[in-house]
């Protein structure tokens, strides 16, 4: 699988961490924004020389679209993408505190509001710090993916491994989107509510 053209919508902590990692891995990365002169994470984007374009232009030229906006906006963002039938969309969002209207999770909202069927959920089960650096004592932590799209899973798996994750475990089809968000809630609970700190991660061990 060759290097890919990636559009990231959402330039906060998660989007920025993934953008830097994807670019270091050799992929062509562009943030899709509504205002090129004013958007969240602008200074960080400039520091790492990540390309920026208006959303419509970034989406049009991309093969892969990574959505990293607030989850309650998932349906609105999906509807704003235009014709994305030939794209792959990776949803990194978690609707655990605020949900998109009439949806229990962000990925279902995306599927229902755009014409892309290759939508998968990945990069949602840990914090931005672990996406920026997935290595613990030189060993990569694990990532998880779910969705019906085989092609989408293959791409998400490659991208995760490209930025340092050790294994990417397939959690199932579209029916597992909610489970994936609960995995995120488990990490959030341990890291913040139980005060374990954000430098914790999931790793599957096999006997």
N, C-alpha and C. Protein backbone atom coordinates (compact mmCIF):
# COMPACT_ATOMS: atom_id res chain seq x y z
N UNK A 1 0.85 -1.18 0.00
CA UNK A 1 0.00 0.00 0.00
C UNK A 1 0.89 1.24 0.00
N UNK A 2 0.75 2.10 -0.99
CA UNK A 2 1.62 3.25 -1.15
C UNK A 2 1.29 4.35 -0.14
N UNK A 3 2.13 5.36 -0.14
CA UNK A 3 1.84 6.53 0.68
C UNK A 3 0.56 7.18 0.20
N UNK A 4 -0.17 7.79 1.11
CA UNK A 4 -1.52 8.26 0.81
C UNK A 4 -1.68 9.76 0.97
N UNK A 5 -2.68 10.30 0.31
CA UNK A 5 -3.07 11.70 0.46
C UNK A 5 -4.17 11.75 1.51
N UNK A 6 -3.87 12.43 2.61
CA UNK A 6 -4.77 12.42 3.77
C UNK A 6 -5.26 13.83 4.06
N UNK A 7 -6.56 13.98 4.21
CA UNK A 7 -7.16 15.23 4.69
C UNK A 7 -7.61 15.01 6.13
N UNK A 8 -7.19 15.90 7.01
CA UNK A 8 -7.63 15.83 8.40
C UNK A 8 -8.53 17.03 8.67
N UNK A 9 -9.73 16.75 9.17
CA UNK A 9 -10.66 17.81 9.55
C UNK A 9 -10.75 17.80 11.06
N UNK A 10 -10.27 18.87 11.66
CA UNK A 10 -10.15 18.96 13.10
C UNK A 10 -8.69 19.08 13.48
N UNK A 11 -8.25 20.28 13.86
CA UNK A 11 -6.83 20.51 14.10
C UNK A 11 -6.51 20.70 15.58
N UNK A 12 -7.32 20.05 16.43
CA UNK A 12 -7.03 20.06 17.86
C UNK A 12 -5.94 19.07 18.21
N UNK A 13 -5.92 18.61 19.45
CA UNK A 13 -4.82 17.75 19.92
C UNK A 13 -4.73 16.44 19.14
N UNK A 14 -5.86 15.77 18.92
CA UNK A 14 -5.84 14.49 18.22
C UNK A 14 -5.47 14.68 16.75
N UNK A 15 -6.17 15.59 16.09
CA UNK A 15 -5.89 15.83 14.68
C UNK A 15 -4.45 16.24 14.44
N UNK A 16 -3.92 17.10 15.32
CA UNK A 16 -2.55 17.58 15.16
C UNK A 16 -1.54 16.46 15.39
N UNK A 17 -1.77 15.64 16.41
CA UNK A 17 -0.85 14.52 16.69
C UNK A 17 -0.81 13.55 15.51
N UNK A 18 -1.97 13.23 14.97
CA UNK A 18 -2.02 12.32 13.83
C UNK A 18 -1.38 12.94 12.59
N UNK A 19 -1.61 14.22 12.38
CA UNK A 19 -1.04 14.90 11.21
C UNK A 19 0.49 14.82 11.23
N UNK A 20 1.07 15.10 12.38
CA UNK A 20 2.53 15.06 12.49
C UNK A 20 3.04 13.64 12.27
N UNK A 21 2.37 12.66 12.87
CA UNK A 21 2.79 11.27 12.71
C UNK A 21 2.68 10.79 11.28
N UNK A 22 1.56 11.11 10.63
CA UNK A 22 1.38 10.69 9.23
C UNK A 22 2.41 11.34 8.32
N UNK A 23 2.70 12.62 8.57
CA UNK A 23 3.67 13.30 7.72
C UNK A 23 5.06 12.69 7.90
N UNK A 24 5.44 12.41 9.15
CA UNK A 24 6.75 11.79 9.41
C UNK A 24 6.86 10.43 8.72
N UNK A 25 5.72 9.75 8.59
CA UNK A 25 5.72 8.44 7.94
C UNK A 25 5.77 8.55 6.42
N UNK A 26 5.71 9.77 5.89
CA UNK A 26 5.84 9.97 4.46
C UNK A 26 4.56 10.23 3.71
N UNK A 27 3.44 10.31 4.42
CA UNK A 27 2.16 10.56 3.76
C UNK A 27 1.99 12.06 3.48
N UNK A 28 1.16 12.38 2.51
CA UNK A 28 0.84 13.77 2.17
C UNK A 28 -0.36 14.18 3.00
N UNK A 29 -0.16 15.13 3.90
CA UNK A 29 -1.20 15.50 4.88
C UNK A 29 -1.62 16.95 4.70
N UNK A 30 -2.92 17.18 4.68
CA UNK A 30 -3.47 18.53 4.59
C UNK A 30 -4.62 18.67 5.57
N UNK A 31 -4.61 19.76 6.34
CA UNK A 31 -5.76 20.08 7.17
C UNK A 31 -6.80 20.76 6.31
N UNK A 32 -8.04 20.31 6.42
CA UNK A 32 -9.15 20.97 5.75
C UNK A 32 -9.85 21.88 6.75
N UNK A 33 -9.85 23.18 6.48
CA UNK A 33 -10.39 24.15 7.43
C UNK A 33 -11.39 25.08 6.73
N UNK A 34 -12.18 25.78 7.53
CA UNK A 34 -13.14 26.74 6.97
C UNK A 34 -12.49 28.10 6.72
N UNK A 35 -11.48 28.44 7.53
CA UNK A 35 -10.79 29.73 7.39
C UNK A 35 -9.29 29.47 7.51
N UNK A 36 -8.57 29.63 6.42
CA UNK A 36 -7.13 29.34 6.41
C UNK A 36 -6.36 30.24 7.37
N UNK A 37 -6.86 31.42 7.63
CA UNK A 37 -6.14 32.39 8.46
C UNK A 37 -6.46 32.27 9.95
N UNK A 38 -7.47 31.52 10.29
CA UNK A 38 -7.86 31.42 11.70
C UNK A 38 -8.50 30.06 11.96
N UNK A 39 -7.75 29.18 12.62
CA UNK A 39 -8.29 27.88 12.99
C UNK A 39 -7.50 27.34 14.18
N UNK A 40 -8.11 26.43 14.90
CA UNK A 40 -7.48 25.87 16.09
C UNK A 40 -6.21 25.11 15.70
N UNK A 41 -5.15 25.31 16.47
CA UNK A 41 -3.92 24.58 16.21
C UNK A 41 -3.06 25.19 15.11
N UNK A 42 -3.35 26.42 14.71
CA UNK A 42 -2.62 27.05 13.61
C UNK A 42 -1.12 27.11 13.88
N UNK A 43 -0.74 27.51 15.09
CA UNK A 43 0.68 27.63 15.41
C UNK A 43 1.38 26.28 15.35
N UNK A 44 0.73 25.24 15.86
CA UNK A 44 1.31 23.90 15.82
C UNK A 44 1.44 23.40 14.40
N UNK A 45 0.44 23.72 13.59
CA UNK A 45 0.46 23.32 12.18
C UNK A 45 1.63 23.96 11.45
N UNK A 46 1.84 25.25 11.71
CA UNK A 46 2.94 25.96 11.08
C UNK A 46 4.29 25.42 11.57
N UNK A 47 4.37 25.09 12.85
CA UNK A 47 5.64 24.60 13.41
C UNK A 47 6.07 23.29 12.76
N UNK A 48 5.11 22.46 12.37
CA UNK A 48 5.42 21.17 11.76
C UNK A 48 5.24 21.18 10.24
N UNK A 49 4.98 22.37 9.71
CA UNK A 49 4.87 22.55 8.26
C UNK A 49 3.84 21.60 7.63
N UNK A 50 2.67 21.54 8.28
CA UNK A 50 1.56 20.76 7.73
C UNK A 50 0.77 21.66 6.78
N UNK A 51 0.46 21.16 5.60
CA UNK A 51 -0.30 21.94 4.63
C UNK A 51 -1.72 22.21 5.13
N UNK A 52 -2.25 23.34 4.72
CA UNK A 52 -3.61 23.74 5.09
C UNK A 52 -4.33 24.20 3.83
N UNK A 53 -5.60 23.81 3.70
CA UNK A 53 -6.42 24.23 2.56
C UNK A 53 -7.86 24.36 3.01
N UNK A 54 -8.64 25.06 2.22
CA UNK A 54 -10.07 25.09 2.51
C UNK A 54 -10.61 23.67 2.46
N UNK A 55 -11.58 23.38 3.31
CA UNK A 55 -12.07 22.01 3.45
C UNK A 55 -12.44 21.37 2.12
N UNK A 56 -13.17 22.06 1.28
CA UNK A 56 -13.62 21.48 0.00
C UNK A 56 -12.45 21.05 -0.86
N UNK A 57 -11.41 21.87 -0.89
CA UNK A 57 -10.23 21.55 -1.71
C UNK A 57 -9.45 20.39 -1.11
N UNK A 58 -9.30 20.38 0.21
CA UNK A 58 -8.55 19.31 0.88
C UNK A 58 -9.26 17.98 0.72
N UNK A 59 -10.58 17.99 0.85
CA UNK A 59 -11.37 16.77 0.70
C UNK A 59 -11.28 16.23 -0.72
N UNK A 60 -11.40 17.12 -1.68
CA UNK A 60 -11.41 16.72 -3.09
C UNK A 60 -10.14 16.00 -3.49
N UNK A 61 -8.99 16.45 -3.00
CA UNK A 61 -7.71 15.88 -3.42
C UNK A 61 -7.27 14.68 -2.58
N UNK A 62 -8.00 14.39 -1.50
CA UNK A 62 -7.59 13.34 -0.57
C UNK A 62 -8.11 11.97 -0.96
N UNK A 63 -7.36 10.95 -0.56
CA UNK A 63 -7.83 9.57 -0.65
C UNK A 63 -8.48 9.14 0.66
N UNK A 64 -7.95 9.68 1.76
CA UNK A 64 -8.40 9.33 3.11
C UNK A 64 -8.77 10.61 3.85
N UNK A 65 -9.92 10.59 4.51
CA UNK A 65 -10.37 11.73 5.32
C UNK A 65 -10.41 11.28 6.77
N UNK A 66 -9.70 11.99 7.63
CA UNK A 66 -9.70 11.69 9.07
C UNK A 66 -10.51 12.78 9.77
N UNK A 67 -11.55 12.37 10.48
CA UNK A 67 -12.40 13.31 11.18
C UNK A 67 -12.05 13.35 12.66
N UNK A 68 -11.66 14.54 13.14
CA UNK A 68 -11.24 14.70 14.53
C UNK A 68 -11.83 15.97 15.13
N UNK A 69 -13.10 16.20 14.85
CA UNK A 69 -13.81 17.36 15.38
C UNK A 69 -14.57 16.94 16.65
N UNK A 70 -15.18 17.88 17.37
CA UNK A 70 -16.05 17.47 18.47
C UNK A 70 -17.14 16.53 17.98
N UNK A 71 -17.38 15.46 18.71
CA UNK A 71 -18.29 14.40 18.25
C UNK A 71 -19.71 14.89 18.01
N UNK A 72 -20.16 15.89 18.77
CA UNK A 72 -21.53 16.37 18.59
C UNK A 72 -21.74 17.04 17.24
N UNK A 73 -20.65 17.33 16.53
CA UNK A 73 -20.75 17.95 15.20
C UNK A 73 -20.60 16.92 14.08
N UNK A 74 -20.53 15.65 14.42
CA UNK A 74 -20.23 14.61 13.42
C UNK A 74 -21.19 14.63 12.25
N UNK A 75 -22.48 14.75 12.51
CA UNK A 75 -23.46 14.74 11.42
C UNK A 75 -23.34 15.97 10.54
N UNK A 76 -23.05 17.12 11.15
CA UNK A 76 -22.91 18.36 10.39
C UNK A 76 -21.65 18.32 9.53
N UNK A 77 -20.55 17.86 10.10
CA UNK A 77 -19.30 17.78 9.35
C UNK A 77 -19.44 16.80 8.19
N UNK A 78 -20.05 15.66 8.45
CA UNK A 78 -20.24 14.66 7.39
C UNK A 78 -21.06 15.23 6.24
N UNK A 79 -22.11 15.96 6.57
CA UNK A 79 -22.97 16.53 5.54
C UNK A 79 -22.27 17.60 4.73
N UNK A 80 -21.22 18.19 5.31
CA UNK A 80 -20.50 19.28 4.62
C UNK A 80 -19.40 18.78 3.69
N UNK A 81 -19.16 17.49 3.64
CA UNK A 81 -18.02 16.95 2.90
C UNK A 81 -18.22 16.94 1.39
N UNK A 82 -19.46 16.94 0.94
CA UNK A 82 -19.71 16.85 -0.50
C UNK A 82 -19.65 15.41 -0.97
N UNK A 83 -19.27 15.21 -2.21
CA UNK A 83 -19.21 13.86 -2.79
C UNK A 83 -17.94 13.15 -2.33
N UNK A 84 -18.11 12.18 -1.46
CA UNK A 84 -16.95 11.43 -0.93
C UNK A 84 -17.14 9.93 -1.16
N UNK A 85 -17.88 9.59 -2.18
CA UNK A 85 -18.19 8.19 -2.45
C UNK A 85 -16.95 7.35 -2.69
N UNK A 86 -15.88 7.97 -3.21
CA UNK A 86 -14.68 7.22 -3.53
C UNK A 86 -13.59 7.37 -2.48
N UNK A 87 -13.94 7.94 -1.32
CA UNK A 87 -12.96 8.17 -0.25
C UNK A 87 -13.07 7.11 0.84
N UNK A 88 -12.08 7.12 1.72
CA UNK A 88 -12.13 6.36 2.97
C UNK A 88 -12.19 7.37 4.10
N UNK A 89 -13.12 7.18 5.02
CA UNK A 89 -13.24 8.08 6.17
C UNK A 89 -12.89 7.31 7.44
N UNK A 90 -12.00 7.89 8.24
CA UNK A 90 -11.64 7.33 9.54
C UNK A 90 -12.17 8.27 10.62
N UNK A 91 -13.03 7.75 11.46
CA UNK A 91 -13.63 8.52 12.55
C UNK A 91 -12.82 8.30 13.83
N UNK A 92 -12.30 9.39 14.40
CA UNK A 92 -11.52 9.30 15.63
C UNK A 92 -12.31 9.78 16.84
N UNK A 93 -13.57 10.12 16.65
CA UNK A 93 -14.33 10.84 17.67
C UNK A 93 -15.05 9.93 18.66
N UNK A 94 -15.40 10.50 19.80
CA UNK A 94 -16.13 9.76 20.83
C UNK A 94 -17.29 10.58 21.35
N UNK A 95 -18.49 10.07 21.17
CA UNK A 95 -19.68 10.77 21.64
C UNK A 95 -20.06 10.27 23.03
N UNK A 96 -19.10 10.30 23.94
CA UNK A 96 -19.36 9.76 25.28
C UNK A 96 -19.89 10.83 26.23
N UNK A 97 -19.62 12.10 25.96
CA UNK A 97 -20.14 13.18 26.80
C UNK A 97 -21.18 14.02 26.06
N UNK A 98 -20.97 14.24 24.77
CA UNK A 98 -21.92 15.01 23.96
C UNK A 98 -22.13 14.28 22.63
N UNK A 99 -23.37 13.97 22.33
CA UNK A 99 -23.67 13.15 21.16
C UNK A 99 -24.22 14.00 20.01
N UNK A 100 -23.98 13.56 18.76
CA UNK A 100 -24.65 14.21 17.63
C UNK A 100 -26.15 13.98 17.73
N UNK A 101 -26.92 14.94 17.29
CA UNK A 101 -28.38 14.86 17.42
C UNK A 101 -28.92 13.56 16.84
N UNK A 102 -29.69 12.83 17.66
CA UNK A 102 -30.39 11.60 17.26
C UNK A 102 -29.47 10.40 17.04
N UNK A 103 -28.22 10.47 17.49
CA UNK A 103 -27.29 9.35 17.31
C UNK A 103 -26.62 9.00 18.63
N UNK A 104 -26.35 7.71 18.80
CA UNK A 104 -25.67 7.25 20.01
C UNK A 104 -24.16 7.25 19.87
N UNK A 105 -23.66 7.30 18.64
CA UNK A 105 -22.21 7.37 18.43
C UNK A 105 -21.91 8.20 17.20
N UNK A 106 -20.67 8.64 17.10
CA UNK A 106 -20.29 9.56 16.02
C UNK A 106 -20.25 8.89 14.66
N UNK A 107 -19.84 7.63 14.59
CA UNK A 107 -19.63 6.99 13.30
C UNK A 107 -20.94 6.72 12.57
N UNK A 108 -21.97 6.32 13.29
CA UNK A 108 -23.28 6.15 12.66
C UNK A 108 -23.78 7.48 12.08
N UNK A 109 -23.50 8.56 12.79
CA UNK A 109 -23.90 9.88 12.30
C UNK A 109 -23.18 10.23 11.00
N UNK A 110 -21.92 9.85 10.90
CA UNK A 110 -21.16 10.10 9.68
C UNK A 110 -21.75 9.30 8.52
N UNK A 111 -21.95 8.02 8.73
CA UNK A 111 -22.48 7.15 7.67
C UNK A 111 -23.83 7.63 7.14
N UNK A 112 -24.67 8.12 8.02
CA UNK A 112 -26.01 8.52 7.62
C UNK A 112 -26.05 9.89 6.93
N UNK A 113 -24.96 10.64 7.00
CA UNK A 113 -25.00 12.01 6.50
C UNK A 113 -23.99 12.33 5.40
N UNK A 114 -23.40 11.28 4.81
CA UNK A 114 -22.56 11.48 3.64
C UNK A 114 -22.71 10.24 2.75
N UNK A 115 -22.17 10.29 1.55
CA UNK A 115 -22.35 9.17 0.62
C UNK A 115 -21.16 8.22 0.58
N UNK A 116 -20.33 8.28 1.61
CA UNK A 116 -19.19 7.35 1.72
C UNK A 116 -19.61 6.12 2.52
N UNK A 117 -19.31 4.95 2.01
CA UNK A 117 -19.62 3.71 2.71
C UNK A 117 -18.38 3.10 3.36
N UNK A 118 -17.20 3.57 2.97
CA UNK A 118 -15.96 3.06 3.55
C UNK A 118 -15.58 3.90 4.76
N UNK A 119 -16.39 3.77 5.81
CA UNK A 119 -16.20 4.53 7.05
C UNK A 119 -15.85 3.56 8.17
N UNK A 120 -14.76 3.82 8.86
CA UNK A 120 -14.35 2.99 9.99
C UNK A 120 -14.01 3.87 11.18
N UNK A 121 -14.00 3.25 12.34
CA UNK A 121 -13.62 3.96 13.57
C UNK A 121 -12.26 3.47 14.02
N UNK A 122 -11.36 4.40 14.27
CA UNK A 122 -10.00 4.07 14.72
C UNK A 122 -9.41 5.32 15.37
N UNK A 123 -8.32 5.18 16.10
CA UNK A 123 -7.63 6.30 16.75
C UNK A 123 -8.54 7.02 17.75
N UNK A 124 -9.47 6.30 18.35
CA UNK A 124 -10.38 6.92 19.32
C UNK A 124 -10.18 6.39 20.73
N UNK A 125 -9.41 5.33 20.89
CA UNK A 125 -9.40 4.59 22.17
C UNK A 125 -8.28 5.00 23.11
N UNK A 126 -7.58 6.08 22.81
CA UNK A 126 -6.51 6.54 23.68
C UNK A 126 -6.34 8.04 23.51
N UNK A 127 -5.45 8.64 24.29
CA UNK A 127 -5.27 10.08 24.25
C UNK A 127 -4.32 10.55 23.17
N UNK A 128 -4.35 11.84 22.91
CA UNK A 128 -3.50 12.42 21.87
C UNK A 128 -2.02 12.20 22.16
N UNK A 129 -1.65 12.17 23.44
CA UNK A 129 -0.25 11.95 23.78
C UNK A 129 0.24 10.59 23.27
N UNK A 130 -0.62 9.60 23.33
CA UNK A 130 -0.24 8.26 22.86
C UNK A 130 -0.24 8.17 21.34
N UNK A 131 -0.95 9.04 20.68
CA UNK A 131 -0.87 9.07 19.22
C UNK A 131 0.40 9.78 18.77
N UNK A 132 0.80 10.78 19.55
CA UNK A 132 2.04 11.48 19.25
C UNK A 132 3.25 10.59 19.52
N UNK A 133 3.14 9.73 20.52
CA UNK A 133 4.23 8.81 20.87
C UNK A 133 3.66 7.51 21.40
N UNK A 134 3.45 6.51 20.53
CA UNK A 134 2.85 5.24 20.95
C UNK A 134 3.85 4.25 21.56
N UNK A 135 5.05 4.69 21.85
CA UNK A 135 6.07 3.79 22.37
C UNK A 135 6.19 3.89 23.89
N UNK A 136 6.17 2.74 24.54
CA UNK A 136 6.41 2.63 25.98
C UNK A 136 7.59 1.71 26.17
N UNK A 137 8.69 2.26 26.67
CA UNK A 137 9.91 1.46 26.82
C UNK A 137 10.27 0.76 25.51
N UNK A 138 10.19 1.53 24.43
CA UNK A 138 10.55 1.08 23.08
C UNK A 138 9.58 0.06 22.48
N UNK A 139 8.47 -0.20 23.15
CA UNK A 139 7.48 -1.14 22.63
C UNK A 139 6.19 -0.40 22.27
N UNK A 140 5.68 -0.67 21.07
CA UNK A 140 4.46 0.00 20.63
C UNK A 140 3.24 -0.50 21.37
N UNK A 141 2.33 0.41 21.68
CA UNK A 141 1.06 0.04 22.28
C UNK A 141 0.11 -0.41 21.16
N UNK A 142 -1.11 -0.80 21.53
CA UNK A 142 -2.04 -1.34 20.54
C UNK A 142 -3.15 -0.36 20.21
N UNK A 143 -3.71 -0.53 19.00
CA UNK A 143 -4.83 0.27 18.53
C UNK A 143 -5.94 -0.68 18.11
N UNK A 144 -7.14 -0.13 17.93
CA UNK A 144 -8.31 -0.94 17.61
C UNK A 144 -9.09 -0.27 16.48
N UNK A 145 -9.79 -1.08 15.71
CA UNK A 145 -10.55 -0.57 14.57
C UNK A 145 -11.86 -1.35 14.45
N UNK A 146 -12.90 -0.68 13.96
CA UNK A 146 -14.18 -1.35 13.73
C UNK A 146 -14.85 -0.75 12.50
N UNK A 147 -15.65 -1.56 11.83
CA UNK A 147 -16.40 -1.11 10.67
C UNK A 147 -16.61 -2.23 9.69
N UNK A 148 -17.61 -2.07 8.82
CA UNK A 148 -17.89 -3.07 7.80
C UNK A 148 -16.92 -3.00 6.62
N UNK A 149 -16.27 -1.87 6.44
CA UNK A 149 -15.42 -1.66 5.27
C UNK A 149 -14.07 -2.35 5.43
N UNK A 150 -13.84 -3.37 4.62
CA UNK A 150 -12.54 -4.07 4.64
C UNK A 150 -11.44 -3.12 4.19
N UNK A 151 -11.71 -2.37 3.14
CA UNK A 151 -10.72 -1.42 2.62
C UNK A 151 -10.37 -0.36 3.66
N UNK A 152 -11.40 0.14 4.35
CA UNK A 152 -11.18 1.14 5.37
C UNK A 152 -10.33 0.61 6.52
N UNK A 153 -10.60 -0.62 6.92
CA UNK A 153 -9.81 -1.23 8.00
C UNK A 153 -8.35 -1.41 7.60
N UNK A 154 -8.13 -1.82 6.34
CA UNK A 154 -6.76 -2.01 5.88
C UNK A 154 -5.98 -0.70 5.92
N UNK A 155 -6.61 0.37 5.49
CA UNK A 155 -5.95 1.67 5.49
C UNK A 155 -5.70 2.17 6.91
N UNK A 156 -6.71 2.07 7.78
CA UNK A 156 -6.54 2.51 9.17
C UNK A 156 -5.44 1.72 9.86
N UNK A 157 -5.39 0.42 9.60
CA UNK A 157 -4.36 -0.42 10.20
C UNK A 157 -2.97 -0.01 9.75
N UNK A 158 -2.82 0.24 8.45
CA UNK A 158 -1.52 0.68 7.93
C UNK A 158 -1.10 2.00 8.56
N UNK A 159 -2.03 2.95 8.63
CA UNK A 159 -1.68 4.25 9.18
C UNK A 159 -1.28 4.16 10.65
N UNK A 160 -2.00 3.34 11.41
CA UNK A 160 -1.66 3.17 12.82
C UNK A 160 -0.27 2.57 12.98
N UNK A 161 0.04 1.57 12.20
CA UNK A 161 1.37 0.95 12.29
C UNK A 161 2.45 1.89 11.78
N UNK A 162 2.10 2.70 10.80
CA UNK A 162 3.07 3.67 10.27
C UNK A 162 3.53 4.66 11.33
N UNK A 163 2.65 5.00 12.28
CA UNK A 163 3.05 5.99 13.29
C UNK A 163 3.50 5.35 14.60
N UNK A 164 3.63 4.01 14.62
CA UNK A 164 4.27 3.38 15.76
C UNK A 164 3.44 2.44 16.59
N UNK A 165 2.15 2.28 16.29
CA UNK A 165 1.36 1.31 17.04
C UNK A 165 1.80 -0.11 16.66
N UNK A 166 1.82 -1.00 17.64
CA UNK A 166 2.35 -2.34 17.40
C UNK A 166 1.35 -3.22 16.66
N UNK A 167 0.16 -3.37 17.21
CA UNK A 167 -0.88 -4.19 16.61
C UNK A 167 -2.17 -3.38 16.51
N UNK A 168 -2.97 -3.72 15.52
CA UNK A 168 -4.28 -3.09 15.37
C UNK A 168 -5.31 -4.22 15.36
N UNK A 169 -6.13 -4.28 16.38
CA UNK A 169 -7.06 -5.37 16.54
C UNK A 169 -8.43 -5.02 15.95
N UNK A 170 -8.95 -5.92 15.15
CA UNK A 170 -10.26 -5.77 14.50
C UNK A 170 -11.35 -6.12 15.51
N UNK A 171 -12.15 -5.13 15.89
CA UNK A 171 -13.18 -5.34 16.90
C UNK A 171 -14.53 -5.75 16.31
N UNK A 172 -14.63 -5.77 14.97
CA UNK A 172 -15.89 -6.17 14.35
C UNK A 172 -16.40 -5.13 13.37
N UNK A 173 -17.68 -5.24 13.02
CA UNK A 173 -18.28 -4.38 12.01
C UNK A 173 -18.88 -3.11 12.58
N UNK A 174 -19.79 -2.53 11.80
CA UNK A 174 -20.42 -1.27 12.21
C UNK A 174 -21.14 -1.38 13.55
N UNK A 175 -21.59 -2.58 13.88
CA UNK A 175 -22.33 -2.76 15.14
C UNK A 175 -21.44 -2.57 16.37
N UNK A 176 -20.12 -2.47 16.17
CA UNK A 176 -19.19 -2.31 17.28
C UNK A 176 -18.74 -0.86 17.48
N UNK A 177 -19.34 0.08 16.75
CA UNK A 177 -18.95 1.48 16.93
C UNK A 177 -19.17 1.93 18.38
N UNK A 178 -20.30 1.55 18.94
CA UNK A 178 -20.59 1.92 20.33
C UNK A 178 -19.60 1.32 21.30
N UNK A 179 -19.22 0.06 21.05
CA UNK A 179 -18.22 -0.60 21.89
C UNK A 179 -16.90 0.14 21.85
N UNK A 180 -16.51 0.58 20.65
CA UNK A 180 -15.25 1.32 20.52
C UNK A 180 -15.28 2.60 21.36
N UNK A 181 -16.41 3.26 21.38
CA UNK A 181 -16.50 4.49 22.17
C UNK A 181 -16.48 4.17 23.67
N UNK A 182 -17.01 3.01 24.06
CA UNK A 182 -16.92 2.61 25.46
C UNK A 182 -15.48 2.29 25.85
N UNK A 183 -14.70 1.76 24.91
CA UNK A 183 -13.27 1.54 25.18
C UNK A 183 -12.59 2.88 25.47
N UNK A 184 -12.97 3.89 24.71
CA UNK A 184 -12.44 5.23 24.97
C UNK A 184 -12.84 5.71 26.35
N UNK A 185 -14.09 5.45 26.72
CA UNK A 185 -14.58 5.86 28.03
C UNK A 185 -13.80 5.16 29.14
N UNK A 186 -13.42 3.91 28.91
CA UNK A 186 -12.62 3.18 29.91
C UNK A 186 -11.27 3.86 30.09
N UNK A 187 -10.65 4.26 28.97
CA UNK A 187 -9.35 4.95 29.06
C UNK A 187 -9.51 6.30 29.77
N UNK A 188 -10.55 7.04 29.41
CA UNK A 188 -10.79 8.35 30.03
C UNK A 188 -11.03 8.19 31.53
N UNK A 189 -11.80 7.18 31.90
CA UNK A 189 -12.07 6.93 33.32
C UNK A 189 -10.79 6.68 34.10
N UNK A 190 -9.94 5.80 33.56
CA UNK A 190 -8.69 5.49 34.26
C UNK A 190 -7.75 6.69 34.29
N UNK A 191 -7.60 7.35 33.14
CA UNK A 191 -6.63 8.44 33.03
C UNK A 191 -7.02 9.65 33.87
N UNK A 192 -8.27 10.07 33.76
CA UNK A 192 -8.68 11.31 34.41
C UNK A 192 -9.46 11.10 35.71
N UNK A 193 -10.54 10.32 35.63
CA UNK A 193 -11.40 10.19 36.79
C UNK A 193 -10.73 9.40 37.91
N UNK A 194 -9.96 8.38 37.56
CA UNK A 194 -9.25 7.60 38.57
C UNK A 194 -7.81 8.09 38.77
N UNK A 195 -7.48 9.18 38.07
CA UNK A 195 -6.21 9.91 38.27
C UNK A 195 -4.96 9.06 38.03
N UNK A 196 -5.05 8.16 37.04
CA UNK A 196 -3.86 7.39 36.66
C UNK A 196 -2.93 8.21 35.76
N UNK A 197 -3.43 9.30 35.22
CA UNK A 197 -2.64 10.13 34.33
C UNK A 197 -2.79 9.70 32.88
N UNK A 198 -2.43 10.58 31.97
CA UNK A 198 -2.66 10.33 30.55
C UNK A 198 -1.58 9.44 29.92
N UNK A 199 -0.51 9.18 30.63
CA UNK A 199 0.53 8.30 30.09
C UNK A 199 0.24 6.84 30.45
N UNK A 200 -0.94 6.39 30.05
CA UNK A 200 -1.32 4.99 30.20
C UNK A 200 -1.89 4.54 28.85
N UNK A 201 -1.83 3.25 28.60
CA UNK A 201 -2.27 2.75 27.28
C UNK A 201 -2.71 1.30 27.36
N UNK A 202 -3.45 0.87 26.34
CA UNK A 202 -3.92 -0.50 26.26
C UNK A 202 -2.92 -1.36 25.47
N UNK A 203 -2.68 -2.56 25.95
CA UNK A 203 -1.80 -3.52 25.28
C UNK A 203 -2.38 -4.90 25.48
N UNK A 204 -2.62 -5.63 24.36
CA UNK A 204 -3.12 -6.98 24.43
C UNK A 204 -1.94 -7.95 24.59
N UNK A 205 -2.03 -8.80 25.60
CA UNK A 205 -0.98 -9.80 25.84
C UNK A 205 -1.55 -11.18 25.53
N UNK A 206 -0.75 -12.03 24.92
CA UNK A 206 -1.17 -13.40 24.60
C UNK A 206 -0.24 -14.40 25.26
N UNK A 207 -0.82 -15.46 25.82
CA UNK A 207 -0.02 -16.48 26.45
C UNK A 207 0.50 -17.47 25.41
